[in-house]
N, C-alpha and C. Protein backbone atom coordinates (compact mmCIF):
# COMPACT_ATOMS: atom_id res chain seq x y z
N UNK A 1 8.33 -2.18 6.15
CA UNK A 1 7.44 -0.61 6.11
C UNK A 1 6.02 -0.80 6.93
N UNK A 2 5.73 0.27 7.97
CA UNK A 2 4.64 0.08 8.59
C UNK A 2 3.57 1.23 7.97
N UNK A 3 2.26 0.89 8.59
CA UNK A 3 1.28 1.57 7.67
C UNK A 3 1.49 3.18 7.56
N UNK A 4 2.00 3.86 8.35
CA UNK A 4 2.27 5.34 8.50
C UNK A 4 3.26 5.57 7.32
N UNK A 5 4.14 4.43 7.07
CA UNK A 5 5.14 4.80 5.79
C UNK A 5 4.51 4.54 4.29
N UNK A 6 3.39 3.44 4.50
CA UNK A 6 2.77 3.09 3.39
C UNK A 6 1.89 4.17 3.00
N UNK A 7 1.32 4.91 4.08
CA UNK A 7 0.41 5.89 3.68
C UNK A 7 1.30 7.30 2.90
N UNK A 8 2.55 7.49 3.28
CA UNK A 8 3.34 8.48 2.91
C UNK A 8 3.67 8.04 1.72
N UNK A 9 4.11 6.74 1.41
CA UNK A 9 4.63 6.17 -0.01
C UNK A 9 3.50 6.39 -0.90
N UNK A 10 2.29 6.20 -0.61
CA UNK A 10 1.02 6.05 -1.50
C UNK A 10 0.78 7.36 -1.55
N UNK A 11 0.99 8.41 -0.81
CA UNK A 11 0.06 9.77 -0.89
C UNK A 11 -0.91 9.73 -0.57
N UNK A 12 -1.64 8.99 0.44
CA UNK A 12 -2.54 8.90 1.11
C UNK A 12 -2.71 9.12 2.74
N UNK A 13 -3.85 9.20 3.09
CA UNK A 13 -4.02 9.21 4.47
C UNK A 13 -3.91 7.91 5.03
N UNK A 14 -3.49 8.02 6.52
CA UNK A 14 -3.40 6.53 7.26
C UNK A 14 -4.68 5.74 7.20
N UNK A 15 -5.80 6.51 7.19
CA UNK A 15 -7.20 6.01 7.27
C UNK A 15 -7.14 5.10 5.85
N UNK A 16 -6.85 5.89 4.77
CA UNK A 16 -7.19 5.38 3.43
C UNK A 16 -5.93 4.08 3.33
N UNK A 17 -4.80 3.96 3.72
CA UNK A 17 -3.76 3.22 3.71
C UNK A 17 -4.45 2.05 4.66
N UNK A 18 -4.90 2.00 5.88
CA UNK A 18 -5.70 1.02 6.54
C UNK A 18 -6.62 0.22 5.66
N UNK A 19 -7.44 0.87 4.94
CA UNK A 19 -8.36 0.22 3.81
C UNK A 19 -7.64 -0.48 2.65
N UNK A 20 -6.54 0.30 1.99
CA UNK A 20 -5.89 -0.50 1.17
C UNK A 20 -5.23 -1.76 1.48
N UNK A 21 -4.66 -1.70 2.68
CA UNK A 21 -3.69 -2.96 3.21
C UNK A 21 -4.69 -4.16 3.23
N UNK A 22 -6.08 -3.92 3.55
CA UNK A 22 -7.16 -4.80 3.68
C UNK A 22 -7.55 -5.48 2.26
N UNK A 23 -7.34 -4.84 1.30
CA UNK A 23 -7.67 -5.29 -0.05
C UNK A 23 -7.09 -6.54 -0.47
N UNK A 24 -7.64 -7.43 -1.22
CA UNK A 24 -7.00 -8.80 -1.51
C UNK A 24 -6.03 -8.86 -2.23
N UNK A 25 -5.65 -7.67 -3.11
CA UNK A 25 -4.54 -7.41 -4.24
C UNK A 25 -3.32 -6.74 -3.58
N UNK A 26 -3.48 -6.31 -2.12
CA UNK A 26 -2.50 -5.65 -1.44
C UNK A 26 -1.58 -6.97 -0.75
N UNK A 27 -0.26 -6.69 -0.94
CA UNK A 27 0.50 -7.82 -0.49
C UNK A 27 0.39 -7.95 1.09
N UNK A 28 0.68 -9.25 1.29
CA UNK A 28 0.60 -9.86 2.66
C UNK A 28 1.70 -9.37 3.68
N UNK A 29 1.36 -8.89 4.94
CA UNK A 29 2.13 -8.23 5.71
C UNK A 29 3.36 -9.62 6.12
N UNK A 30 4.43 -9.02 6.50
CA UNK A 30 5.67 -9.99 6.65
C UNK A 30 5.78 -10.71 7.93
N UNK A 31 4.87 -9.65 8.78
CA UNK A 31 5.14 -9.96 10.28
C UNK A 31 4.33 -8.98 11.12
N UNK A 32 4.22 -9.13 12.28
CA UNK A 32 3.33 -8.35 13.22
C UNK A 32 3.99 -8.35 14.41
N UNK A 33 4.31 -6.97 14.65
CA UNK A 33 5.09 -6.68 15.83
C UNK A 33 4.40 -5.87 16.94
N UNK A 34 4.66 -5.77 17.96
CA UNK A 34 3.92 -5.18 18.95
C UNK A 34 3.30 -3.59 18.52
N UNK A 35 3.85 -3.08 17.50
CA UNK A 35 3.44 -1.86 17.15
C UNK A 35 2.38 -1.96 16.01
N UNK A 36 2.37 -2.87 15.38
CA UNK A 36 1.49 -3.62 14.49
C UNK A 36 1.93 -4.29 13.31
N UNK A 37 1.52 -4.51 12.25
CA UNK A 37 1.87 -5.16 11.11
C UNK A 37 2.85 -4.26 10.17
N UNK A 38 3.76 -5.16 9.67
CA UNK A 38 4.69 -4.60 9.03
C UNK A 38 4.86 -5.18 7.47
N UNK A 39 5.15 -4.67 6.18
CA UNK A 39 5.29 -5.01 5.20
C UNK A 39 6.56 -5.03 4.27
N UNK A 40 7.18 -5.91 3.42
CA UNK A 40 8.16 -5.88 2.58
C UNK A 40 8.11 -4.59 1.59
N UNK A 41 9.09 -3.76 1.84
CA UNK A 41 9.23 -2.62 0.97
C UNK A 41 8.98 -2.72 -0.54
N UNK A 42 9.84 -3.65 -0.92
CA UNK A 42 9.84 -4.08 -2.44
C UNK A 42 8.26 -4.48 -2.81
N UNK A 43 7.69 -5.05 -2.06
CA UNK A 43 6.28 -5.78 -2.46
C UNK A 43 5.41 -4.42 -2.52
N UNK A 44 5.60 -3.53 -1.47
CA UNK A 44 4.83 -2.36 -1.35
C UNK A 44 4.92 -1.42 -2.54
N UNK A 45 6.21 -1.31 -3.08
CA UNK A 45 6.30 -0.40 -4.21
C UNK A 45 6.06 -0.93 -5.49
N UNK A 46 6.22 -2.52 -5.62
CA UNK A 46 5.39 -2.68 -6.75
C UNK A 46 3.95 -2.81 -6.96
N UNK A 47 3.40 -2.81 -5.62
CA UNK A 47 1.85 -2.70 -5.65
C UNK A 47 1.44 -1.36 -6.01
N UNK A 48 2.34 -0.25 -5.53
CA UNK A 48 2.12 1.05 -5.90
C UNK A 48 2.26 1.34 -7.37
N UNK A 49 3.38 0.96 -7.70
CA UNK A 49 3.52 1.08 -9.34
C UNK A 49 2.28 0.15 -10.25
N UNK A 50 1.84 -0.62 -9.89
CA UNK A 50 0.85 -1.47 -10.34
C UNK A 50 -0.55 -0.31 -10.22
N UNK A 51 -0.63 -0.11 -9.07
CA UNK A 51 -1.71 0.85 -8.69
C UNK A 51 -1.91 2.08 -9.64
N UNK A 52 -0.80 2.62 -9.77
CA UNK A 52 -0.47 3.92 -10.50
C UNK A 52 -0.74 3.60 -11.99
N UNK A 53 -0.19 2.66 -12.53
CA UNK A 53 -0.65 2.54 -13.75
C UNK A 53 -2.07 2.07 -14.16
N UNK A 54 -2.70 1.37 -13.11
CA UNK A 54 -4.07 1.12 -13.35
C UNK A 54 -4.84 2.42 -13.35
N UNK A 55 -4.69 3.36 -12.51
CA UNK A 55 -5.17 4.75 -12.31
C UNK A 55 -4.94 5.55 -13.67
N UNK A 56 -3.62 5.28 -14.17
CA UNK A 56 -3.33 6.24 -15.37
C UNK A 56 -4.29 5.53 -16.38
N UNK A 57 -4.40 4.19 -16.56
CA UNK A 57 -4.79 3.89 -17.67
C UNK A 57 -6.58 3.99 -17.81
N UNK A 58 -6.96 4.33 -16.39
CA UNK A 58 -8.54 4.60 -16.33
C UNK A 58 -8.89 6.17 -16.52
N UNK A 59 -7.76 6.87 -16.72
CA UNK A 59 -8.04 8.27 -16.70
C UNK A 59 -8.44 8.69 -18.50
N UNK A 60 -9.49 9.22 -18.70
CA UNK A 60 -9.68 9.52 -20.11
C UNK A 60 -8.68 10.28 -20.71
N UNK A 61 -8.60 10.02 -22.00
CA UNK A 61 -7.50 10.77 -22.85
C UNK A 61 -7.85 11.89 -23.94
């Protein structure tokens, strides 16, 4: 999964995705190709699920 795909999966802009991938809690890229870094799809999905749970937990009830 490349940065554009991460942005689409998370529902954020590419600029926001670029910030998120630099966070210490974001999965490490599995490789760097000539077009940029790539991430494991399963790890990004797990991150997204965890992130959505945290956002839900922070919402007032």
